[in-house]
Amino acid sequence: MPAGTPALRYTPRMYARKLHIDIIDDGKTRPCPLEWLDSFAMRNFTGSAEFDDTLPIADGLMEAGLAVQPQRLAQALQDFLNKRGKGQGHHLEVGISET
């Protein structure tokens, strides 16, 4: 880097918000598996522009742009998981909080 050039800071965050995503199954709460978040994000990457600015990063964690509405994301993810039978006969609920 040339002298006098300010150092660029690396940040591991890609999007402005970090969301914690929980699955609520029969009253028990657990982080949403990364595999499920990945499937949802890839489906929506090609099928719904509303959630294009999402990036699953770990079990129960997703980064999102400012345009993504957590309530809408929770409902869409919940519908997606229940349609695919991820609850194995149980109705799953999704809870999202910002960290």
PDB file of N, CA and C in Angstrom:
ATOM      1  N   MET A   1       0.850  -1.160   0.000  1.00  0.00           N
ATOM      2  CA  MET A   1       0.000   0.000   0.000  1.00  0.00           C
ATOM      3  C   MET A   1       0.902   1.232   0.000  1.00  0.00           C
ATOM      4  N   PRO A   2       0.640   2.206  -0.871  1.00  0.00           N
ATOM      5  CA  PRO A   2       1.471   3.408  -0.924  1.00  0.00           C
ATOM      6  C   PRO A   2       1.398   4.199   0.376  1.00  0.00           C
ATOM      7  N   ALA A   3       2.478   4.890   0.696  1.00  0.00           N
ATOM      8  CA  ALA A   3       2.523   5.714   1.903  1.00  0.00           C
ATOM      9  C   ALA A   3       1.419   6.760   1.859  1.00  0.00           C
ATOM     10  N   GLY A   4       0.782   6.994   2.990  1.00  0.00           N
ATOM     11  CA  GLY A   4      -0.275   7.991   3.076  1.00  0.00           C
ATOM     12  C   GLY A   4      -1.650   7.475   2.683  1.00  0.00           C
ATOM     13  N   THR A   5      -1.735   6.213   2.214  1.00  0.00           N
ATOM     14  CA  THR A   5      -3.021   5.634   1.853  1.00  0.00           C
ATOM     15  C   THR A   5      -3.656   5.042   3.102  1.00  0.00           C
ATOM     16  N   PRO A   6      -4.875   5.416   3.403  1.00  0.00           N
ATOM     17  CA  PRO A   6      -5.504   4.860   4.601  1.00  0.00           C
ATOM     18  C   PRO A   6      -5.701   3.352   4.451  1.00  0.00           C
ATOM     19  N   ALA A   7      -5.497   2.628   5.529  1.00  0.00           N
ATOM     20  CA  ALA A   7      -5.687   1.181   5.520  1.00  0.00           C
ATOM     21  C   ALA A   7      -7.176   0.868   5.413  1.00  0.00           C
ATOM     22  N   LEU A   8      -7.500  -0.086   4.585  1.00  0.00           N
ATOM     23  CA  LEU A   8      -8.881  -0.539   4.471  1.00  0.00           C
ATOM     24  C   LEU A   8      -9.141  -1.559   5.558  1.00  0.00           C
ATOM     25  N   ARG A   9     -10.255  -1.428   6.190  1.00  0.00           N
ATOM     26  CA  ARG A   9     -10.605  -2.369   7.245  1.00  0.00           C
ATOM     27  C   ARG A   9     -11.463  -3.475   6.663  1.00  0.00           C
ATOM     28  N   TYR A  10     -11.101  -4.705   6.964  1.00  0.00           N
ATOM     29  CA  TYR A  10     -11.899  -5.847   6.547  1.00  0.00           C
ATOM     30  C   TYR A  10     -12.971  -6.090   7.586  1.00  0.00           C
ATOM     31  N   THR A  11     -14.172  -6.333   7.144  1.00  0.00           N
ATOM     32  CA  THR A  11     -15.236  -6.713   8.055  1.00  0.00           C
ATOM     33  C   THR A  11     -15.884  -7.984   7.528  1.00  0.00           C
ATOM     34  N   PRO A  12     -16.147  -8.955   8.385  1.00  0.00           N
ATOM     35  CA  PRO A  12     -16.738 -10.205   7.925  1.00  0.00           C
ATOM     36  C   PRO A  12     -18.224 -10.071   7.583  1.00  0.00           C
ATOM     37  N   ARG A  13     -18.827  -8.952   7.914  1.00  0.00           N
ATOM     38  CA  ARG A  13     -20.243  -8.754   7.615  1.00  0.00           C
ATOM     39  C   ARG A  13     -20.429  -8.334   6.168  1.00  0.00           C
ATOM     40  N   MET A  14     -21.314  -9.031   5.487  1.00  0.00           N
ATOM     41  CA  MET A  14     -21.597  -8.673   4.110  1.00  0.00           C
ATOM     42  C   MET A  14     -22.822  -7.756   4.039  1.00  0.00           C
ATOM     43  N   TYR A  15     -23.826  -8.045   4.852  1.00  0.00           N
ATOM     44  CA  TYR A  15     -25.054  -7.262   4.861  1.00  0.00           C
ATOM     45  C   TYR A  15     -25.170  -6.479   6.161  1.00  0.00           C
ATOM     46  N   ALA A  16     -26.074  -5.528   6.174  1.00  0.00           N
ATOM     47  CA  ALA A  16     -26.199  -4.596   7.294  1.00  0.00           C
ATOM     48  C   ALA A  16     -26.761  -5.224   8.571  1.00  0.00           C
ATOM     49  N   ARG A  17     -27.526  -6.313   8.438  1.00  0.00           N
ATOM     50  CA  ARG A  17     -28.192  -6.871   9.608  1.00  0.00           C
ATOM     51  C   ARG A  17     -27.866  -8.354   9.792  1.00  0.00           C
ATOM     52  N   LYS A  18     -27.740  -8.745  11.053  1.00  0.00           N
ATOM     53  CA  LYS A  18     -27.590 -10.153  11.403  1.00  0.00           C
ATOM     54  C   LYS A  18     -28.883 -10.601  12.059  1.00  0.00           C
ATOM     55  N   LEU A  19     -29.437 -11.676  11.550  1.00  0.00           N
ATOM     56  CA  LEU A  19     -30.688 -12.197  12.070  1.00  0.00           C
ATOM     57  C   LEU A  19     -30.454 -13.549  12.721  1.00  0.00           C
ATOM     58  N   HIS A  20     -31.067 -13.743  13.874  1.00  0.00           N
ATOM     59  CA  HIS A  20     -31.032 -15.032  14.552  1.00  0.00           C
ATOM     60  C   HIS A  20     -32.373 -15.702  14.266  1.00  0.00           C
ATOM     61  N   ILE A  21     -32.330 -16.901  13.706  1.00  0.00           N
ATOM     62  CA  ILE A  21     -33.541 -17.578  13.260  1.00  0.00           C
ATOM     63  C   ILE A  21     -33.723 -18.868  14.041  1.00  0.00           C
ATOM     64  N   ASP A  22     -34.848 -18.945  14.748  1.00  0.00           N
ATOM     65  CA  ASP A  22     -35.169 -20.119  15.549  1.00  0.00           C
ATOM     66  C   ASP A  22     -36.349 -20.875  14.961  1.00  0.00           C
ATOM     67  N   ILE A  23     -36.311 -22.189  15.146  1.00  0.00           N
ATOM     68  CA  ILE A  23     -37.425 -23.054  14.813  1.00  0.00           C
ATOM     69  C   ILE A  23     -38.122 -23.397  16.126  1.00  0.00           C
ATOM     70  N   ILE A  24     -39.427 -23.263  16.137  1.00  0.00           N
ATOM     71  CA  ILE A  24     -40.210 -23.615  17.321  1.00  0.00           C
ATOM     72  C   ILE A  24     -41.058 -24.821  16.935  1.00  0.00           C
ATOM     73  N   ASP A  25     -40.747 -25.949  17.553  1.00  0.00           N
ATOM     74  CA  ASP A  25     -41.406 -27.214  17.236  1.00  0.00           C
ATOM     75  C   ASP A  25     -41.942 -27.812  18.528  1.00  0.00           C
ATOM     76  N   ASP A  26     -43.269 -27.864  18.642  1.00  0.00           N
ATOM     77  CA  ASP A  26     -43.913 -28.438  19.816  1.00  0.00           C
ATOM     78  C   ASP A  26     -43.441 -27.757  21.100  1.00  0.00           C
ATOM     79  N   GLY A  27     -43.292 -26.420  21.034  1.00  0.00           N
ATOM     80  CA  GLY A  27     -42.899 -25.642  22.208  1.00  0.00           C
ATOM     81  C   GLY A  27     -41.405 -25.600  22.476  1.00  0.00           C
ATOM     82  N   LYS A  28     -40.628 -26.349  21.716  1.00  0.00           N
ATOM     83  CA  LYS A  28     -39.172 -26.363  21.899  1.00  0.00           C
ATOM     84  C   LYS A  28     -38.523 -25.503  20.829  1.00  0.00           C
ATOM     85  N   THR A  29     -37.580 -24.669  21.258  1.00  0.00           N
ATOM     86  CA  THR A  29     -36.892 -23.746  20.355  1.00  0.00           C
ATOM     87  C   THR A  29     -35.474 -24.214  20.105  1.00  0.00           C
ATOM     88  N   ARG A  30     -35.064 -24.131  18.833  1.00  0.00           N
ATOM     89  CA  ARG A  30     -33.695 -24.475  18.444  1.00  0.00           C
ATOM     90  C   ARG A  30     -33.313 -23.638  17.228  1.00  0.00           C
ATOM     91  N   PRO A  31     -32.013 -23.460  17.006  1.00  0.00           N
ATOM     92  CA  PRO A  31     -31.589 -22.713  15.822  1.00  0.00           C
ATOM     93  C   PRO A  31     -32.007 -23.442  14.541  1.00  0.00           C
ATOM     94  N   CYS A  32     -32.407 -22.695  13.559  1.00  0.00           N
ATOM     95  CA  CYS A  32     -32.760 -23.281  12.266  1.00  0.00           C
ATOM     96  C   CYS A  32     -31.499 -23.853  11.618  1.00  0.00           C
ATOM     97  N   PRO A  33     -31.534 -25.109  11.179  1.00  0.00           N
ATOM     98  CA  PRO A  33     -30.349 -25.697  10.551  1.00  0.00           C
ATOM     99  C   PRO A  33     -29.896 -24.911   9.310  1.00  0.00           C
ATOM    100  N   LEU A  34     -28.603 -24.796   9.155  1.00  0.00           N
ATOM    101  CA  LEU A  34     -28.027 -24.089   8.008  1.00  0.00           C
ATOM    102  C   LEU A  34     -28.535 -24.682   6.693  1.00  0.00           C
ATOM    103  N   GLU A  35     -28.664 -25.983   6.634  1.00  0.00           N
ATOM    104  CA  GLU A  35     -29.137 -26.644   5.409  1.00  0.00           C
ATOM    105  C   GLU A  35     -30.520 -26.121   5.000  1.00  0.00           C
ATOM    106  N   TRP A  36     -31.405 -25.921   5.983  1.00  0.00           N
ATOM    107  CA  TRP A  36     -32.748 -25.412   5.690  1.00  0.00           C
ATOM    108  C   TRP A  36     -32.683 -23.959   5.238  1.00  0.00           C
ATOM    109  N   LEU A  37     -31.856 -23.168   5.902  1.00  0.00           N
ATOM    110  CA  LEU A  37     -31.704 -21.764   5.506  1.00  0.00           C
ATOM    111  C   LEU A  37     -31.138 -21.658   4.096  1.00  0.00           C
ATOM    112  N   ASP A  38     -30.166 -22.510   3.802  1.00  0.00           N
ATOM    113  CA  ASP A  38     -29.556 -22.542   2.474  1.00  0.00           C
ATOM    114  C   ASP A  38     -30.578 -22.884   1.397  1.00  0.00           C
ATOM    115  N   SER A  39     -31.388 -23.922   1.649  1.00  0.00           N
ATOM    116  CA  SER A  39     -32.411 -24.322   0.677  1.00  0.00           C
ATOM    117  C   SER A  39     -33.390 -23.189   0.425  1.00  0.00           C
ATOM    118  N   PHE A  40     -33.812 -22.533   1.492  1.00  0.00           N
ATOM    119  CA  PHE A  40     -34.735 -21.412   1.352  1.00  0.00           C
ATOM    120  C   PHE A  40     -34.097 -20.272   0.562  1.00  0.00           C
ATOM    121  N   ALA A  41     -32.879 -19.921   0.897  1.00  0.00           N
ATOM    122  CA  ALA A  41     -32.203 -18.800   0.240  1.00  0.00           C
ATOM    123  C   ALA A  41     -31.975 -19.082  -1.247  1.00  0.00           C
ATOM    124  N   MET A  42     -31.604 -20.307  -1.584  1.00  0.00           N
ATOM    125  CA  MET A  42     -31.363 -20.625  -2.996  1.00  0.00           C
ATOM    126  C   MET A  42     -32.669 -20.627  -3.779  1.00  0.00           C
ATOM    127  N   ARG A  43     -33.734 -21.147  -3.188  1.00  0.00           N
ATOM    128  CA  ARG A  43     -35.031 -21.134  -3.850  1.00  0.00           C
ATOM    129  C   ARG A  43     -35.448 -19.704  -4.111  1.00  0.00           C
ATOM    130  N   ASN A  44     -35.285 -18.851  -3.122  1.00  0.00           N
ATOM    131  CA  ASN A  44     -35.724 -17.486  -3.269  1.00  0.00           C
ATOM    132  C   ASN A  44     -34.770 -16.657  -4.111  1.00  0.00           C
ATOM    133  N   PHE A  45     -33.527 -17.087  -4.214  1.00  0.00           N
ATOM    134  CA  PHE A  45     -32.575 -16.387  -5.077  1.00  0.00           C
ATOM    135  C   PHE A  45     -33.078 -16.406  -6.512  1.00  0.00           C
ATOM    136  N   THR A  46     -33.677 -17.524  -6.908  1.00  0.00           N
ATOM    137  CA  THR A  46     -34.146 -17.650  -8.285  1.00  0.00           C
ATOM    138  C   THR A  46     -35.635 -17.391  -8.437  1.00  0.00           C
ATOM    139  N   GLY A  47     -36.405 -17.370  -7.315  1.00  0.00           N
ATOM    140  CA  GLY A  47     -37.845 -17.282  -7.457  1.00  0.00           C
ATOM    141  C   GLY A  47     -38.514 -16.077  -6.823  1.00  0.00           C
ATOM    142  N   SER A  48     -37.858 -15.383  -5.923  1.00  0.00           N
ATOM    143  CA  SER A  48     -38.502 -14.258  -5.249  1.00  0.00           C
ATOM    144  C   SER A  48     -37.476 -13.175  -4.930  1.00  0.00           C
ATOM    145  N   ALA A  49     -37.607 -12.065  -5.573  1.00  0.00           N
ATOM    146  CA  ALA A  49     -36.642 -10.973  -5.381  1.00  0.00           C
ATOM    147  C   ALA A  49     -36.705 -10.389  -3.973  1.00  0.00           C
ATOM    148  N   GLU A  50     -37.806 -10.597  -3.278  1.00  0.00           N
ATOM    149  CA  GLU A  50     -37.994 -10.025  -1.946  1.00  0.00           C
ATOM    150  C   GLU A  50     -36.901 -10.446  -0.963  1.00  0.00           C
ATOM    151  N   PHE A  51     -36.366 -11.667  -1.136  1.00  0.00           N
ATOM    152  CA  PHE A  51     -35.372 -12.181  -0.194  1.00  0.00           C
ATOM    153  C   PHE A  51     -33.999 -12.404  -0.830  1.00  0.00           C
ATOM    154  N   ASP A  52     -33.735 -11.732  -1.943  1.00  0.00           N
ATOM    155  CA  ASP A  52     -32.438 -11.872  -2.599  1.00  0.00           C
ATOM    156  C   ASP A  52     -31.285 -11.422  -1.701  1.00  0.00           C
ATOM    157  N   ASP A  53     -31.523 -10.437  -0.861  1.00  0.00           N
ATOM    158  CA  ASP A  53     -30.456  -9.906   0.002  1.00  0.00           C
ATOM    159  C   ASP A  53     -30.378 -10.655   1.323  1.00  0.00           C
ATOM    160  N   THR A  54     -30.312 -11.988   1.237  1.00  0.00           N
ATOM    161  CA  THR A  54     -30.135 -12.816   2.426  1.00  0.00           C
ATOM    162  C   THR A  54     -28.952 -13.739   2.200  1.00  0.00           C
ATOM    163  N   LEU A  55     -28.240 -14.020   3.274  1.00  0.00           N
ATOM    164  CA  LEU A  55     -27.080 -14.891   3.197  1.00  0.00           C
ATOM    165  C   LEU A  55     -27.018 -15.748   4.461  1.00  0.00           C
ATOM    166  N   PRO A  56     -27.348 -17.050   4.349  1.00  0.00           N
ATOM    167  CA  PRO A  56     -27.209 -17.939   5.504  1.00  0.00           C
ATOM    168  C   PRO A  56     -25.729 -18.081   5.853  1.00  0.00           C
ATOM    169  N   ILE A  57     -25.391 -17.994   7.155  1.00  0.00           N
ATOM    170  CA  ILE A  57     -23.973 -18.092   7.525  1.00  0.00           C
ATOM    171  C   ILE A  57     -23.687 -19.200   8.523  1.00  0.00           C
ATOM    172  N   ALA A  58     -24.690 -19.672   9.248  1.00  0.00           N
ATOM    173  CA  ALA A  58     -24.497 -20.757  10.219  1.00  0.00           C
ATOM    174  C   ALA A  58     -25.872 -21.206  10.697  1.00  0.00           C
ATOM    175  N   ASP A  59     -25.924 -22.280  11.476  1.00  0.00           N
ATOM    176  CA  ASP A  59     -27.190 -22.692  12.061  1.00  0.00           C
ATOM    177  C   ASP A  59     -27.784 -21.515  12.815  1.00  0.00           C
ATOM    178  N   GLY A  60     -28.994 -21.133  12.449  1.00  0.00           N
ATOM    179  CA  GLY A  60     -29.703 -20.069  13.146  1.00  0.00           C
ATOM    180  C   GLY A  60     -29.249 -18.660  12.842  1.00  0.00           C
ATOM    181  N   LEU A  61     -28.326 -18.485  11.906  1.00  0.00           N
ATOM    182  CA  LEU A  61     -27.824 -17.136  11.607  1.00  0.00           C
ATOM    183  C   LEU A  61     -27.907 -16.830  10.119  1.00  0.00           C
ATOM    184  N   MET A  62     -28.410 -15.641   9.846  1.00  0.00           N
ATOM    185  CA  MET A  62     -28.510 -15.186   8.466  1.00  0.00           C
ATOM    186  C   MET A  62     -28.217 -13.693   8.452  1.00  0.00           C
ATOM    187  N   GLU A  63     -27.509 -13.238   7.448  1.00  0.00           N
ATOM    188  CA  GLU A  63     -27.319 -11.812   7.239  1.00  0.00           C
ATOM    189  C   GLU A  63     -28.336 -11.362   6.199  1.00  0.00           C
ATOM    190  N   ALA A  64     -28.783 -10.119   6.322  1.00  0.00           N
ATOM    191  CA  ALA A  64     -29.801  -9.607   5.412  1.00  0.00           C
ATOM    192  C   ALA A  64     -29.603  -8.130   5.162  1.00  0.00           C
ATOM    193  N   GLY A  65     -30.050  -7.701   4.006  1.00  0.00           N
ATOM    194  CA  GLY A  65     -30.031  -6.286   3.662  1.00  0.00           C
ATOM    195  C   GLY A  65     -31.156  -5.550   4.369  1.00  0.00           C
ATOM    196  N   LEU A  66     -31.104  -4.249   4.320  1.00  0.00           N
ATOM    197  CA  LEU A  66     -32.093  -3.418   5.015  1.00  0.00           C
ATOM    198  C   LEU A  66     -33.494  -3.530   4.420  1.00  0.00           C
ATOM    199  N   ALA A  67     -33.615  -3.948   3.171  1.00  0.00           N
ATOM    200  CA  ALA A  67     -34.929  -4.066   2.538  1.00  0.00           C
ATOM    201  C   ALA A  67     -35.686  -5.315   2.996  1.00  0.00           C
ATOM    202  N   VAL A  68     -35.000  -6.282   3.572  1.00  0.00           N
ATOM    203  CA  VAL A  68     -35.640  -7.519   4.014  1.00  0.00           C
ATOM    204  C   VAL A  68     -36.390  -7.259   5.318  1.00  0.00           C
ATOM    205  N   GLN A  69     -37.677  -7.569   5.321  1.00  0.00           N
ATOM    206  CA  GLN A  69     -38.507  -7.392   6.505  1.00  0.00           C
ATOM    207  C   GLN A  69     -38.508  -8.699   7.303  1.00  0.00           C
ATOM    208  N   PRO A  70     -37.986  -8.694   8.539  1.00  0.00           N
ATOM    209  CA  PRO A  70     -37.896  -9.926   9.322  1.00  0.00           C
ATOM    210  C   PRO A  70     -39.228 -10.662   9.486  1.00  0.00           C
ATOM    211  N   GLN A  71     -40.335  -9.935   9.648  1.00  0.00           N
ATOM    212  CA  GLN A  71     -41.627 -10.588   9.810  1.00  0.00           C
ATOM    213  C   GLN A  71     -42.029 -11.343   8.547  1.00  0.00           C
ATOM    214  N   ARG A  72     -41.810 -10.721   7.407  1.00  0.00           N
ATOM    215  CA  ARG A  72     -42.112 -11.371   6.118  1.00  0.00           C
ATOM    216  C   ARG A  72     -41.188 -12.561   5.898  1.00  0.00           C
ATOM    217  N   LEU A  73     -39.928 -12.405   6.246  1.00  0.00           N
ATOM    218  CA  LEU A  73     -38.974 -13.507   6.116  1.00  0.00           C
ATOM    219  C   LEU A  73     -39.391 -14.684   6.993  1.00  0.00           C
ATOM    220  N   ALA A  74     -39.790 -14.414   8.227  1.00  0.00           N
ATOM    221  CA  ALA A  74     -40.216 -15.477   9.142  1.00  0.00           C
ATOM    222  C   ALA A  74     -41.414 -16.230   8.571  1.00  0.00           C
ATOM    223  N   GLN A  75     -42.397 -15.498   8.070  1.00  0.00           N
ATOM    224  CA  GLN A  75     -43.592 -16.147   7.516  1.00  0.00           C
ATOM    225  C   GLN A  75     -43.260 -16.962   6.270  1.00  0.00           C
ATOM    226  N   ALA A  76     -42.452 -16.401   5.390  1.00  0.00           N
ATOM    227  CA  ALA A  76     -42.089 -17.104   4.152  1.00  0.00           C
ATOM    228  C   ALA A  76     -41.263 -18.361   4.458  1.00  0.00           C
ATOM    229  N   LEU A  77     -40.321 -18.261   5.393  1.00  0.00           N
ATOM    230  CA  LEU A  77     -39.506 -19.413   5.771  1.00  0.00           C
ATOM    231  C   LEU A  77     -40.375 -20.473   6.437  1.00  0.00           C
ATOM    232  N   GLN A  78     -41.278 -20.047   7.299  1.00  0.00           N
ATOM    233  CA  GLN A  78     -42.185 -20.981   7.970  1.00  0.00           C
ATOM    234  C   GLN A  78     -43.029 -21.733   6.941  1.00  0.00           C
ATOM    235  N   ASP A  79     -43.613 -21.017   5.990  1.00  0.00           N
ATOM    236  CA  ASP A  79     -44.413 -21.649   4.938  1.00  0.00           C
ATOM    237  C   ASP A  79     -43.575 -22.631   4.134  1.00  0.00           C
ATOM    238  N   PHE A  80     -42.364 -22.212   3.773  1.00  0.00           N
ATOM    239  CA  PHE A  80     -41.452 -23.044   2.988  1.00  0.00           C
ATOM    240  C   PHE A  80     -41.138 -24.352   3.722  1.00  0.00           C
ATOM    241  N   LEU A  81     -40.789 -24.259   5.002  1.00  0.00           N
ATOM    242  CA  LEU A  81     -40.410 -25.447   5.768  1.00  0.00           C
ATOM    243  C   LEU A  81     -41.592 -26.386   5.981  1.00  0.00           C
ATOM    244  N   ASN A  82     -42.756 -25.833   6.249  1.00  0.00           N
ATOM    245  CA  ASN A  82     -43.935 -26.680   6.467  1.00  0.00           C
ATOM    246  C   ASN A  82     -44.402 -27.355   5.183  1.00  0.00           C
ATOM    247  N   LYS A  83     -44.303 -26.673   4.054  1.00  0.00           N
ATOM    248  CA  LYS A  83     -44.676 -27.279   2.771  1.00  0.00           C
ATOM    249  C   LYS A  83     -43.762 -28.445   2.417  1.00  0.00           C
ATOM    250  N   ARG A  84     -42.529 -28.385   2.883  1.00  0.00           N
ATOM    251  CA  ARG A  84     -41.565 -29.440   2.575  1.00  0.00           C
ATOM    252  C   ARG A  84     -41.489 -30.516   3.655  1.00  0.00           C
ATOM    253  N   GLY A  85     -42.368 -30.433   4.624  1.00  0.00           N
ATOM    254  CA  GLY A  85     -42.461 -31.467   5.647  1.00  0.00           C
ATOM    255  C   GLY A  85     -41.286 -31.537   6.600  1.00  0.00           C
ATOM    256  N   LYS A  86     -40.596 -30.420   6.808  1.00  0.00           N
ATOM    257  CA  LYS A  86     -39.421 -30.424   7.685  1.00  0.00           C
ATOM    258  C   LYS A  86     -39.780 -30.714   9.142  1.00  0.00           C
ATOM    259  N   GLY A  87     -41.035 -30.523   9.504  1.00  0.00           N
ATOM    260  CA  GLY A  87     -41.465 -30.785  10.875  1.00  0.00           C
ATOM    261  C   GLY A  87     -41.869 -32.232  11.109  1.00  0.00           C
ATOM    262  N   GLN A  88     -41.787 -33.045  10.068  1.00  0.00           N
ATOM    263  CA  GLN A  88     -42.139 -34.464  10.142  1.00  0.00           C
ATOM    264  C   GLN A  88     -43.490 -34.655  10.831  1.00  0.00           C
ATOM    265  N   GLY A  89     -44.498 -33.978  10.318  1.00  0.00           N
ATOM    266  CA  GLY A  89     -45.840 -34.096  10.853  1.00  0.00           C
ATOM    267  C   GLY A  89     -46.221 -33.008  11.834  1.00  0.00           C
ATOM    268  N   HIS A  90     -45.249 -32.306  12.385  1.00  0.00           N
ATOM    269  CA  HIS A  90     -45.524 -31.186  13.293  1.00  0.00           C
ATOM    270  C   HIS A  90     -45.505 -29.886  12.502  1.00  0.00           C
ATOM    271  N   HIS A  91     -46.336 -28.949  12.937  1.00  0.00           N
ATOM    272  CA  HIS A  91     -46.311 -27.613  12.343  1.00  0.00           C
ATOM    273  C   HIS A  91     -45.162 -26.827  12.984  1.00  0.00           C
ATOM    274  N   LEU A  92     -44.258 -26.350  12.157  1.00  0.00           N
ATOM    275  CA  LEU A  92     -43.124 -25.559  12.649  1.00  0.00           C
ATOM    276  C   LEU A  92     -43.463 -24.086  12.637  1.00  0.00           C
ATOM    277  N   GLU A  93     -42.950 -23.367  13.608  1.00  0.00           N
ATOM    278  CA  GLU A  93     -43.026 -21.912  13.611  1.00  0.00           C
ATOM    279  C   GLU A  93     -41.609 -21.373  13.536  1.00  0.00           C
ATOM    280  N   VAL A  94     -41.475 -20.166  13.022  1.00  0.00           N
ATOM    281  CA  VAL A  94     -40.172 -19.531  12.874  1.00  0.00           C
ATOM    282  C   VAL A  94     -40.173 -18.216  13.639  1.00  0.00           C
ATOM    283  N   GLY A  95     -39.157 -18.030  14.448  1.00  0.00           N
ATOM    284  CA  GLY A  95     -38.975 -16.781  15.156  1.00  0.00           C
ATOM    285  C   GLY A  95     -37.673 -16.121  14.724  1.00  0.00           C
ATOM    286  N   ILE A  96     -37.720 -14.835  14.475  1.00  0.00           N
ATOM    287  CA  ILE A  96     -36.531 -14.099  14.023  1.00  0.00           C
ATOM    288  C   ILE A  96     -36.297 -12.907  14.927  1.00  0.00           C
ATOM    289  N   SER A  97     -35.049 -12.736  15.338  1.00  0.00           N
ATOM    290  CA  SER A  97     -34.660 -11.551  16.102  1.00  0.00           C
ATOM    291  C   SER A  97     -33.363 -11.022  15.497  1.00  0.00           C
ATOM    292  N   GLU A  98     -33.157  -9.720  15.633  1.00  0.00           N
ATOM    293  CA  GLU A  98     -31.909  -9.118  15.164  1.00  0.00           C
ATOM    294  C   GLU A  98     -30.875  -9.167  16.263  1.00  0.00           C
ATOM    295  N   THR A  99     -29.628  -9.453  15.873  1.00  0.00           N
ATOM    296  CA  THR A  99     -28.541  -9.492  16.855  1.00  0.00           C
ATOM    297  C   THR A  99     -27.610  -8.345  16.623  1.00  0.00           C
TER     298      THR A  99
END
